[in-house]
């Protein structure tokens, strides 16, 4: 599963060159198996992943997953609500950092 985004994440070919095993398990296990399981729709997985990244303050990974969430049917309004909700559970700084990444997703 590859997605173009304005993320500061490394391109997949860089991951493959520098950490081939990590690239392999990312493609085969994470996106090839875990994200494909039928027990949760991709939309729900995206919401869960975005929430976890915000709560853990993993903002470098957020642009990719925010973009993927939109592609999986999560609306901008719902993403806004997730960020607002998590301000109280994960902390204001985590939500503010997520907002910075969310603002870069769509200039509207």
C-alpha atoms as a PDB file:
ATOM      1  CA  UNK A   1       0.000   0.000   0.000  1.00  0.00           C
ATOM      2  CA  UNK A   2       1.723   3.149  -1.073  1.00  0.00           C
ATOM      3  CA  UNK A   3       0.419   6.638  -0.741  1.00  0.00           C
ATOM      4  CA  UNK A   4       1.864   9.956  -1.885  1.00  0.00           C
ATOM      5  CA  UNK A   5       1.878  12.641   0.755  1.00  0.00           C
ATOM      6  CA  UNK A   6       3.738  15.723   1.855  1.00  0.00           C
ATOM      7  CA  UNK A   7       5.026  13.725   4.798  1.00  0.00           C
ATOM      8  CA  UNK A   8       8.575  14.129   6.035  1.00  0.00           C
ATOM      9  CA  UNK A   9       8.724  10.333   6.151  1.00  0.00           C
ATOM     10  CA  UNK A  10      11.385   8.634   4.107  1.00  0.00           C
ATOM     11  CA  UNK A  11      10.381   7.326   0.697  1.00  0.00           C
ATOM     12  CA  UNK A  12       9.796   3.549   0.622  1.00  0.00           C
ATOM     13  CA  UNK A  13      12.915   3.006  -1.502  1.00  0.00           C
ATOM     14  CA  UNK A  14      15.047   4.646   1.198  1.00  0.00           C
ATOM     15  CA  UNK A  15      13.577   2.326   3.811  1.00  0.00           C
ATOM     16  CA  UNK A  16      14.267  -0.626   1.521  1.00  0.00           C
ATOM     17  CA  UNK A  17      17.882   0.457   0.997  1.00  0.00           C
ATOM     18  CA  UNK A  18      18.671   1.300   4.627  1.00  0.00           C
ATOM     19  CA  UNK A  19      16.549  -1.235   6.522  1.00  0.00           C
ATOM     20  CA  UNK A  20      15.465  -3.950   4.092  1.00  0.00           C
ATOM     21  CA  UNK A  21      13.903  -6.197   6.724  1.00  0.00           C
ATOM     22  CA  UNK A  22      11.873  -3.325   8.200  1.00  0.00           C
ATOM     23  CA  UNK A  23      10.667  -2.480   4.692  1.00  0.00           C
ATOM     24  CA  UNK A  24       9.739  -6.102   4.095  1.00  0.00           C
ATOM     25  CA  UNK A  25       7.721  -6.534   7.299  1.00  0.00           C
ATOM     26  CA  UNK A  26       6.095  -3.128   6.820  1.00  0.00           C
ATOM     27  CA  UNK A  27       4.871  -4.114   3.366  1.00  0.00           C
ATOM     28  CA  UNK A  28       4.063  -7.765   4.052  1.00  0.00           C
ATOM     29  CA  UNK A  29       2.912  -7.828   7.679  1.00  0.00           C
ATOM     30  CA  UNK A  30       1.685  -4.325   8.506  1.00  0.00           C
ATOM     31  CA  UNK A  31       0.055  -3.329   5.209  1.00  0.00           C
ATOM     32  CA  UNK A  32      -0.200  -6.781   3.606  1.00  0.00           C
ATOM     33  CA  UNK A  33      -1.780  -8.564   6.566  1.00  0.00           C
ATOM     34  CA  UNK A  34      -2.787  -6.390   9.524  1.00  0.00           C
ATOM     35  CA  UNK A  35      -4.426  -3.606   7.489  1.00  0.00           C
ATOM     36  CA  UNK A  36      -6.217  -6.212   5.331  1.00  0.00           C
ATOM     37  CA  UNK A  37      -7.894  -8.152   8.131  1.00  0.00           C
ATOM     38  CA  UNK A  38     -11.677  -8.223   7.844  1.00  0.00           C
ATOM     39  CA  UNK A  39     -12.415  -7.767  11.564  1.00  0.00           C
ATOM     40  CA  UNK A  40     -12.068  -3.969  11.257  1.00  0.00           C
ATOM     41  CA  UNK A  41     -12.694  -1.863   8.168  1.00  0.00           C
ATOM     42  CA  UNK A  42      -9.779   0.233   6.897  1.00  0.00           C
ATOM     43  CA  UNK A  43     -11.682   3.375   7.909  1.00  0.00           C
ATOM     44  CA  UNK A  44     -11.779   2.258  11.554  1.00  0.00           C
ATOM     45  CA  UNK A  45      -8.142   1.190  11.444  1.00  0.00           C
ATOM     46  CA  UNK A  46      -7.266   4.655  10.174  1.00  0.00           C
ATOM     47  CA  UNK A  47      -9.159   6.362  13.003  1.00  0.00           C
ATOM     48  CA  UNK A  48      -7.460   4.121  15.563  1.00  0.00           C
ATOM     49  CA  UNK A  49      -4.035   4.668  14.043  1.00  0.00           C
ATOM     50  CA  UNK A  50      -4.418   8.450  13.848  1.00  0.00           C
ATOM     51  CA  UNK A  51      -5.627   8.542  17.453  1.00  0.00           C
ATOM     52  CA  UNK A  52      -2.703   6.407  18.631  1.00  0.00           C
ATOM     53  CA  UNK A  53      -0.169   8.527  16.757  1.00  0.00           C
ATOM     54  CA  UNK A  54      -1.632  11.703  18.260  1.00  0.00           C
ATOM     55  CA  UNK A  55      -1.739  10.248  21.777  1.00  0.00           C
ATOM     56  CA  UNK A  56       1.856   9.033  21.498  1.00  0.00           C
ATOM     57  CA  UNK A  57       2.940  12.324  19.892  1.00  0.00           C
ATOM     58  CA  UNK A  58       4.326  10.522  16.832  1.00  0.00           C
ATOM     59  CA  UNK A  59       3.775  13.497  14.546  1.00  0.00           C
ATOM     60  CA  UNK A  60       6.309  12.429  11.908  1.00  0.00           C
ATOM     61  CA  UNK A  61       4.045   9.537  10.969  1.00  0.00           C
ATOM     62  CA  UNK A  62       0.843  11.604  11.049  1.00  0.00           C
ATOM     63  CA  UNK A  63       0.865  13.130   7.536  1.00  0.00           C
ATOM     64  CA  UNK A  64       0.911   9.713   5.878  1.00  0.00           C
ATOM     65  CA  UNK A  65      -1.837   8.366   8.129  1.00  0.00           C
ATOM     66  CA  UNK A  66      -4.005  11.491   7.939  1.00  0.00           C
ATOM     67  CA  UNK A  67      -3.885  11.240   4.156  1.00  0.00           C
ATOM     68  CA  UNK A  68      -4.593   7.510   4.307  1.00  0.00           C
ATOM     69  CA  UNK A  69      -7.511   8.126   6.675  1.00  0.00           C
ATOM     70  CA  UNK A  70      -9.097  10.507   4.160  1.00  0.00           C
ATOM     71  CA  UNK A  71      -8.568   7.929   1.402  1.00  0.00           C
ATOM     72  CA  UNK A  72     -10.225   5.363   3.677  1.00  0.00           C
ATOM     73  CA  UNK A  73     -13.329   7.538   4.073  1.00  0.00           C
ATOM     74  CA  UNK A  74     -12.622   9.528   7.228  1.00  0.00           C
ATOM     75  CA  UNK A  75     -13.801  13.112   6.774  1.00  0.00           C
ATOM     76  CA  UNK A  76     -11.829  16.230   7.646  1.00  0.00           C
ATOM     77  CA  UNK A  77     -14.559  17.051  10.152  1.00  0.00           C
ATOM     78  CA  UNK A  78     -14.061  13.699  11.870  1.00  0.00           C
ATOM     79  CA  UNK A  79     -10.281  14.166  11.964  1.00  0.00           C
ATOM     80  CA  UNK A  80     -10.823  17.594  13.500  1.00  0.00           C
ATOM     81  CA  UNK A  81     -13.029  16.025  16.156  1.00  0.00           C
ATOM     82  CA  UNK A  82     -10.440  13.320  16.914  1.00  0.00           C
ATOM     83  CA  UNK A  83      -7.784  16.005  17.471  1.00  0.00           C
ATOM     84  CA  UNK A  84     -10.118  18.047  19.687  1.00  0.00           C
ATOM     85  CA  UNK A  85     -11.199  15.009  21.692  1.00  0.00           C
ATOM     86  CA  UNK A  86      -7.625  13.874  22.244  1.00  0.00           C
ATOM     87  CA  UNK A  87      -6.569  17.284  23.553  1.00  0.00           C
ATOM     88  CA  UNK A  88      -8.222  16.243  26.814  1.00  0.00           C
ATOM     89  CA  UNK A  89      -7.053  12.640  26.885  1.00  0.00           C
ATOM     90  CA  UNK A  90      -3.568  12.842  25.328  1.00  0.00           C
ATOM     91  CA  UNK A  91      -2.709  16.408  26.267  1.00  0.00           C
ATOM     92  CA  UNK A  92      -2.958  19.826  24.710  1.00  0.00           C
ATOM     93  CA  UNK A  93       0.567  19.797  23.208  1.00  0.00           C
ATOM     94  CA  UNK A  94      -0.081  16.487  21.432  1.00  0.00           C
ATOM     95  CA  UNK A  95      -3.302  17.859  19.934  1.00  0.00           C
ATOM     96  CA  UNK A  96      -1.648  21.142  18.947  1.00  0.00           C
ATOM     97  CA  UNK A  97       1.163  19.253  17.207  1.00  0.00           C
ATOM     98  CA  UNK A  98      -1.390  17.085  15.412  1.00  0.00           C
ATOM     99  CA  UNK A  99      -3.244  20.206  14.333  1.00  0.00           C
ATOM    100  CA  UNK A 100      -0.078  21.495  12.666  1.00  0.00           C
ATOM    101  CA  UNK A 101       0.160  18.297  10.610  1.00  0.00           C
ATOM    102  CA  UNK A 102      -3.583  18.290   9.921  1.00  0.00           C
ATOM    103  CA  UNK A 103      -3.450  21.896   8.642  1.00  0.00           C
ATOM    104  CA  UNK A 104      -0.789  20.858   6.125  1.00  0.00           C
ATOM    105  CA  UNK A 105      -3.068  18.107   4.784  1.00  0.00           C
ATOM    106  CA  UNK A 106      -5.517  20.499   3.165  1.00  0.00           C
ATOM    107  CA  UNK A 107      -5.081  24.256   2.974  1.00  0.00           C
ATOM    108  CA  UNK A 108      -8.863  24.858   3.170  1.00  0.00           C
END
